[in-house]
Amino acid sequence: MSALAIKPPPLRAGCGQAQALTCRLVELIDRDRLSVAAAARTINVDVKRAGLLVRLRAIERECAELELEERLDEIQAQCPGEEWWRYSDRQLNSILEGEAIPNRVVRELVQAWERRTKGSTASLASKVGITCEALRRQLGLVAVAGRMKRTRHGRPYRYGKRVQKTISVEAAGRVVRALGIPPCEVPGL
């Protein structure tokens, strides 16, 4: 029997070996601008197997992108009239990556809770386990204090007060749970 007649052992799509092989193939294709077949030959992998792994990786990426778009659409629908152009790239990226949501979503829930129960942000803050001022800053009700920073040349530069536009998913989840709302019912959490 020749070496070409030996059949490689089967790989399951989700196993660590297949994932490592897929990452190596995609890296070669992106970095060296190789075709799938050329990348497969470079690392001695069957071309059909390499094609399947790369296609599966493309499908996974497309599904992840669709999930992100759906998530952003849900959040934008929850915040009609939001001035998205005022968000920095860092804030938008944290929203897209699922690390934060616009604090307007949680702020409106807190304000509705206050109207309904005649409660205050101080009582809610004690339920959450933070100070009232910290809760109000996270909700964008109070500006974060300005700062002084020295430049490279030793001159001070003053940053003005800013109102937070986003709240981390963890903090938003704690606030929403304190309101008695399951986090799964709030878009973005």
C-alpha atoms as a PDB file:
ATOM      1  CA  MET A   1       0.000   0.000   0.000  1.00  0.00           C
ATOM      2  CA  SER A   2       1.229   3.444  -0.825  1.00  0.00           C
ATOM      3  CA  ALA A   3       1.169   6.412   1.522  1.00  0.00           C
ATOM      4  CA  LEU A   4      -1.598   7.982  -0.537  1.00  0.00           C
ATOM      5  CA  ALA A   5      -3.938   5.065   0.100  1.00  0.00           C
ATOM      6  CA  ILE A   6      -3.864   5.558   3.895  1.00  0.00           C
ATOM      7  CA  LYS A   7      -7.050   7.270   4.945  1.00  0.00           C
ATOM      8  CA  PRO A   8      -6.778   9.856   7.754  1.00  0.00           C
ATOM      9  CA  PRO A   9      -8.885   9.239  10.859  1.00  0.00           C
ATOM     10  CA  PRO A  10     -12.244  11.028  10.935  1.00  0.00           C
ATOM     11  CA  LEU A  11     -12.549  14.368  12.724  1.00  0.00           C
ATOM     12  CA  ARG A  12     -15.622  15.620  14.536  1.00  0.00           C
ATOM     13  CA  ALA A  13     -16.382  19.237  13.629  1.00  0.00           C
ATOM     14  CA  GLY A  14     -16.441  20.495  17.219  1.00  0.00           C
ATOM     15  CA  CYS A  15     -13.401  18.688  18.598  1.00  0.00           C
ATOM     16  CA  GLY A  16     -10.297  20.579  19.639  1.00  0.00           C
ATOM     17  CA  GLN A  17      -8.143  19.001  16.940  1.00  0.00           C
ATOM     18  CA  ALA A  18     -10.564  20.110  14.208  1.00  0.00           C
ATOM     19  CA  GLN A  19     -10.754  23.615  15.642  1.00  0.00           C
ATOM     20  CA  ALA A  20      -6.968  23.907  15.778  1.00  0.00           C
ATOM     21  CA  LEU A  21      -6.692  22.626  12.219  1.00  0.00           C
ATOM     22  CA  THR A  22      -9.364  25.078  11.063  1.00  0.00           C
ATOM     23  CA  CYS A  23      -7.586  27.985  12.748  1.00  0.00           C
ATOM     24  CA  ARG A  24      -4.313  27.003  11.088  1.00  0.00           C
ATOM     25  CA  LEU A  25      -5.984  26.736   7.668  1.00  0.00           C
ATOM     26  CA  VAL A  26      -7.766  30.080   8.004  1.00  0.00           C
ATOM     27  CA  GLU A  27      -4.548  31.716   9.215  1.00  0.00           C
ATOM     28  CA  LEU A  28      -2.668  30.450   6.154  1.00  0.00           C
ATOM     29  CA  ILE A  29      -5.461  31.505   3.814  1.00  0.00           C
ATOM     30  CA  ASP A  30      -5.695  35.015   5.302  1.00  0.00           C
ATOM     31  CA  ARG A  31      -2.007  35.659   5.911  1.00  0.00           C
ATOM     32  CA  ASP A  32      -0.468  34.096   2.794  1.00  0.00           C
ATOM     33  CA  ARG A  33      -3.508  34.588   0.560  1.00  0.00           C
ATOM     34  CA  LEU A  34      -3.562  30.919  -0.368  1.00  0.00           C
ATOM     35  CA  SER A  35      -6.452  28.967  -1.761  1.00  0.00           C
ATOM     36  CA  VAL A  36      -8.031  26.310   0.433  1.00  0.00           C
ATOM     37  CA  ALA A  37      -6.365  23.585  -1.608  1.00  0.00           C
ATOM     38  CA  ALA A  38      -2.924  25.217  -1.380  1.00  0.00           C
ATOM     39  CA  ALA A  39      -3.298  25.727   2.373  1.00  0.00           C
ATOM     40  CA  ALA A  40      -4.384  22.095   2.784  1.00  0.00           C
ATOM     41  CA  ARG A  41      -1.385  20.847   0.835  1.00  0.00           C
ATOM     42  CA  THR A  42       0.935  23.091   2.881  1.00  0.00           C
ATOM     43  CA  ILE A  43      -0.063  21.419   6.151  1.00  0.00           C
ATOM     44  CA  ASN A  44      -0.624  17.943   4.634  1.00  0.00           C
ATOM     45  CA  VAL A  45      -4.392  17.761   5.031  1.00  0.00           C
ATOM     46  CA  ASP A  46      -6.918  16.229   2.681  1.00  0.00           C
ATOM     47  CA  VAL A  47      -8.319  18.981   0.427  1.00  0.00           C
ATOM     48  CA  LYS A  48     -11.936  17.849   0.872  1.00  0.00           C
ATOM     49  CA  ARG A  49     -11.564  17.860   4.662  1.00  0.00           C
ATOM     50  CA  ALA A  50      -9.928  21.291   4.568  1.00  0.00           C
ATOM     51  CA  GLY A  51     -12.709  22.645   2.371  1.00  0.00           C
ATOM     52  CA  LEU A  52     -15.346  21.324   4.757  1.00  0.00           C
ATOM     53  CA  LEU A  53     -13.603  22.808   7.808  1.00  0.00           C
ATOM     54  CA  VAL A  54     -13.182  26.207   6.168  1.00  0.00           C
ATOM     55  CA  ARG A  55     -16.835  26.229   5.030  1.00  0.00           C
ATOM     56  CA  LEU A  56     -17.992  25.370   8.550  1.00  0.00           C
ATOM     57  CA  ARG A  57     -15.835  28.200   9.925  1.00  0.00           C
ATOM     58  CA  ALA A  58     -17.394  30.630   7.421  1.00  0.00           C
ATOM     59  CA  ILE A  59     -20.896  29.525   8.441  1.00  0.00           C
ATOM     60  CA  GLU A  60     -20.016  29.998  12.133  1.00  0.00           C
ATOM     61  CA  ARG A  61     -18.718  33.510  11.456  1.00  0.00           C
ATOM     62  CA  GLU A  62     -21.788  34.422   9.444  1.00  0.00           C
ATOM     63  CA  CYS A  63     -24.093  33.180  12.217  1.00  0.00           C
ATOM     64  CA  ALA A  64     -22.154  35.180  14.811  1.00  0.00           C
ATOM     65  CA  GLU A  65     -22.417  38.321  12.649  1.00  0.00           C
ATOM     66  CA  LEU A  66     -26.160  37.776  12.212  1.00  0.00           C
ATOM     67  CA  GLU A  67     -26.593  37.388  15.979  1.00  0.00           C
ATOM     68  CA  LEU A  68     -24.729  40.661  16.523  1.00  0.00           C
ATOM     69  CA  GLU A  69     -26.867  42.456  13.941  1.00  0.00           C
ATOM     70  CA  GLU A  70     -30.074  41.099  15.511  1.00  0.00           C
ATOM     71  CA  ARG A  71     -28.866  42.135  18.954  1.00  0.00           C
ATOM     72  CA  LEU A  72     -28.065  45.647  17.759  1.00  0.00           C
ATOM     73  CA  ASP A  73     -31.448  45.884  15.973  1.00  0.00           C
ATOM     74  CA  GLU A  74     -33.238  44.881  19.206  1.00  0.00           C
ATOM     75  CA  ILE A  75     -31.311  47.467  21.199  1.00  0.00           C
ATOM     76  CA  GLN A  76     -31.927  50.184  18.598  1.00  0.00           C
ATOM     77  CA  ALA A  77     -35.640  49.339  18.574  1.00  0.00           C
ATOM     78  CA  GLN A  78     -35.660  49.671  22.367  1.00  0.00           C
ATOM     79  CA  CYS A  79     -34.061  53.137  22.049  1.00  0.00           C
ATOM     80  CA  PRO A  80     -35.946  55.028  19.325  1.00  0.00           C
ATOM     81  CA  GLY A  81     -34.575  58.498  18.803  1.00  0.00           C
ATOM     82  CA  GLU A  82     -31.219  57.608  20.370  1.00  0.00           C
ATOM     83  CA  GLU A  83     -28.411  59.694  18.922  1.00  0.00           C
ATOM     84  CA  TRP A  84     -26.108  56.829  17.956  1.00  0.00           C
ATOM     85  CA  TRP A  85     -23.697  59.200  16.249  1.00  0.00           C
ATOM     86  CA  ARG A  86     -22.793  60.605  19.692  1.00  0.00           C
ATOM     87  CA  TYR A  87     -21.438  57.244  20.839  1.00  0.00           C
ATOM     88  CA  SER A  88     -17.683  56.763  20.566  1.00  0.00           C
ATOM     89  CA  ASP A  89     -16.303  53.823  18.599  1.00  0.00           C
ATOM     90  CA  ARG A  90     -15.271  52.218  21.882  1.00  0.00           C
ATOM     91  CA  GLN A  91     -18.821  52.445  23.236  1.00  0.00           C
ATOM     92  CA  LEU A  92     -20.360  51.077  20.043  1.00  0.00           C
ATOM     93  CA  ASN A  93     -17.875  48.204  19.977  1.00  0.00           C
ATOM     94  CA  SER A  94     -18.648  47.302  23.583  1.00  0.00           C
ATOM     95  CA  ILE A  95     -22.360  47.277  22.685  1.00  0.00           C
ATOM     96  CA  LEU A  96     -21.727  45.130  19.607  1.00  0.00           C
ATOM     97  CA  GLU A  97     -19.531  42.699  21.539  1.00  0.00           C
ATOM     98  CA  GLY A  98     -22.192  42.284  24.203  1.00  0.00           C
ATOM     99  CA  GLU A  99     -20.154  43.854  27.007  1.00  0.00           C
ATOM    100  CA  ALA A 100     -22.469  46.848  27.490  1.00  0.00           C
ATOM    101  CA  ILE A 101     -25.891  48.235  26.578  1.00  0.00           C
ATOM    102  CA  PRO A 102     -27.144  51.817  26.314  1.00  0.00           C
ATOM    103  CA  ASN A 103     -27.994  52.919  29.844  1.00  0.00           C
ATOM    104  CA  ARG A 104     -31.188  54.457  28.508  1.00  0.00           C
ATOM    105  CA  VAL A 105     -32.784  50.989  28.461  1.00  0.00           C
ATOM    106  CA  VAL A 106     -32.164  50.410  32.185  1.00  0.00           C
ATOM    107  CA  ARG A 107     -32.810  54.058  33.094  1.00  0.00           C
ATOM    108  CA  GLU A 108     -36.324  53.890  31.613  1.00  0.00           C
ATOM    109  CA  LEU A 109     -37.027  50.676  33.549  1.00  0.00           C
ATOM    110  CA  VAL A 110     -35.809  52.302  36.788  1.00  0.00           C
ATOM    111  CA  GLN A 111     -37.905  55.417  36.184  1.00  0.00           C
ATOM    112  CA  ALA A 112     -41.007  53.290  35.510  1.00  0.00           C
ATOM    113  CA  TRP A 113     -40.286  51.327  38.719  1.00  0.00           C
ATOM    114  CA  GLU A 114     -39.967  54.604  40.671  1.00  0.00           C
ATOM    115  CA  ARG A 115     -43.332  55.850  39.346  1.00  0.00           C
ATOM    116  CA  ARG A 116     -45.036  52.532  40.001  1.00  0.00           C
ATOM    117  CA  THR A 117     -43.700  51.865  43.508  1.00  0.00           C
ATOM    118  CA  LYS A 118     -42.917  55.413  44.671  1.00  0.00           C
ATOM    119  CA  GLY A 119     -39.418  54.091  45.433  1.00  0.00           C
ATOM    120  CA  SER A 120     -36.196  56.035  45.063  1.00  0.00           C
ATOM    121  CA  THR A 121     -32.844  55.364  43.465  1.00  0.00           C
ATOM    122  CA  ALA A 122     -31.388  55.262  46.991  1.00  0.00           C
ATOM    123  CA  SER A 123     -33.544  52.273  47.969  1.00  0.00           C
ATOM    124  CA  LEU A 124     -32.770  50.558  44.653  1.00  0.00           C
ATOM    125  CA  ALA A 125     -29.056  51.234  45.104  1.00  0.00           C
ATOM    126  CA  SER A 126     -29.123  49.566  48.515  1.00  0.00           C
ATOM    127  CA  LYS A 127     -30.786  46.499  46.941  1.00  0.00           C
ATOM    128  CA  VAL A 128     -28.084  46.409  44.267  1.00  0.00           C
ATOM    129  CA  GLY A 129     -25.339  46.901  46.850  1.00  0.00           C
ATOM    130  CA  ILE A 130     -23.828  50.148  45.572  1.00  0.00           C
ATOM    131  CA  THR A 131     -24.096  53.796  46.533  1.00  0.00           C
ATOM    132  CA  CYS A 132     -26.905  55.958  45.217  1.00  0.00           C
ATOM    133  CA  GLU A 133     -24.405  58.212  43.441  1.00  0.00           C
ATOM    134  CA  ALA A 134     -22.782  55.246  41.678  1.00  0.00           C
ATOM    135  CA  LEU A 135     -26.187  54.006  40.491  1.00  0.00           C
ATOM    136  CA  ARG A 136     -27.151  57.448  39.232  1.00  0.00           C
ATOM    137  CA  ARG A 137     -23.829  57.702  37.340  1.00  0.00           C
ATOM    138  CA  GLN A 138     -24.305  54.273  35.766  1.00  0.00           C
ATOM    139  CA  LEU A 139     -27.810  55.246  34.650  1.00  0.00           C
ATOM    140  CA  GLY A 140     -26.561  58.502  33.127  1.00  0.00           C
ATOM    141  CA  LEU A 141     -28.549  60.683  35.530  1.00  0.00           C
ATOM    142  CA  VAL A 142     -25.458  62.392  36.985  1.00  0.00           C
ATOM    143  CA  ALA A 143     -22.260  63.370  35.206  1.00  0.00           C
ATOM    144  CA  VAL A 144     -19.023  61.633  36.042  1.00  0.00           C
ATOM    145  CA  ALA A 145     -16.615  64.107  37.622  1.00  0.00           C
ATOM    146  CA  GLY A 146     -14.128  65.897  35.397  1.00  0.00           C
ATOM    147  CA  ARG A 147     -10.435  65.040  35.637  1.00  0.00           C
ATOM    148  CA  MET A 148      -7.091  66.745  35.399  1.00  0.00           C
ATOM    149  CA  LYS A 149      -4.361  64.984  33.490  1.00  0.00           C
ATOM    150  CA  ARG A 150      -0.823  66.054  32.783  1.00  0.00           C
ATOM    151  CA  THR A 151       0.341  66.016  29.184  1.00  0.00           C
ATOM    152  CA  ARG A 152       3.771  64.906  28.011  1.00  0.00           C
ATOM    153  CA  HIS A 153       4.989  68.468  28.327  1.00  0.00           C
ATOM    154  CA  GLY A 154       3.884  68.741  31.952  1.00  0.00           C
ATOM    155  CA  ARG A 155       0.983  71.101  31.335  1.00  0.00           C
ATOM    156  CA  PRO A 156      -2.321  70.128  32.931  1.00  0.00           C
ATOM    157  CA  TYR A 157      -5.265  69.285  30.715  1.00  0.00           C
ATOM    158  CA  ARG A 158      -8.783  69.323  32.102  1.00  0.00           C
ATOM    159  CA  TYR A 159     -11.354  66.798  30.940  1.00  0.00           C
ATOM    160  CA  GLY A 160     -14.893  68.052  31.445  1.00  0.00           C
ATOM    161  CA  LYS A 161     -17.705  66.228  33.174  1.00  0.00           C
ATOM    162  CA  ARG A 162     -19.305  63.499  31.091  1.00  0.00           C
ATOM    163  CA  VAL A 163     -22.540  61.592  31.293  1.00  0.00           C
ATOM    164  CA  GLN A 164     -22.149  57.862  30.748  1.00  0.00           C
ATOM    165  CA  LYS A 165     -24.051  56.522  27.753  1.00  0.00           C
ATOM    166  CA  THR A 166     -23.496  52.811  28.375  1.00  0.00           C
ATOM    167  CA  ILE A 167     -23.727  50.453  31.316  1.00  0.00           C
ATOM    168  CA  SER A 168     -21.933  47.129  31.567  1.00  0.00           C
ATOM    169  CA  VAL A 169     -24.044  44.019  31.101  1.00  0.00           C
ATOM    170  CA  GLU A 170     -23.122  42.796  34.595  1.00  0.00           C
ATOM    171  CA  ALA A 171     -24.180  46.048  36.287  1.00  0.00           C
ATOM    172  CA  ALA A 172     -27.357  46.244  34.195  1.00  0.00           C
ATOM    173  CA  GLY A 173     -28.206  42.660  35.135  1.00  0.00           C
ATOM    174  CA  ARG A 174     -27.842  43.424  38.861  1.00  0.00           C
ATOM    175  CA  VAL A 175     -30.052  46.516  38.572  1.00  0.00           C
ATOM    176  CA  VAL A 176     -32.715  44.716  36.554  1.00  0.00           C
ATOM    177  CA  ARG A 177     -32.769  41.774  38.988  1.00  0.00           C
ATOM    178  CA  ALA A 178     -33.224  44.240  41.864  1.00  0.00           C
ATOM    179  CA  LEU A 179     -36.257  45.610  39.981  1.00  0.00           C
ATOM    180  CA  GLY A 180     -37.694  42.092  39.842  1.00  0.00           C
ATOM    181  CA  ILE A 181     -37.284  41.710  36.080  1.00  0.00           C
ATOM    182  CA  PRO A 182     -35.483  38.666  34.647  1.00  0.00           C
ATOM    183  CA  PRO A 183     -32.469  39.856  32.621  1.00  0.00           C
ATOM    184  CA  CYS A 184     -33.506  37.677  29.679  1.00  0.00           C
ATOM    185  CA  GLU A 185     -36.506  39.981  29.143  1.00  0.00           C
ATOM    186  CA  VAL A 186     -34.319  43.057  28.588  1.00  0.00           C
ATOM    187  CA  PRO A 187     -32.799  43.435  25.096  1.00  0.00           C
ATOM    188  CA  GLY A 188     -29.028  43.102  25.192  1.00  0.00           C
ATOM    189  CA  LEU A 189     -28.793  41.226  28.493  1.00  0.00           C
END
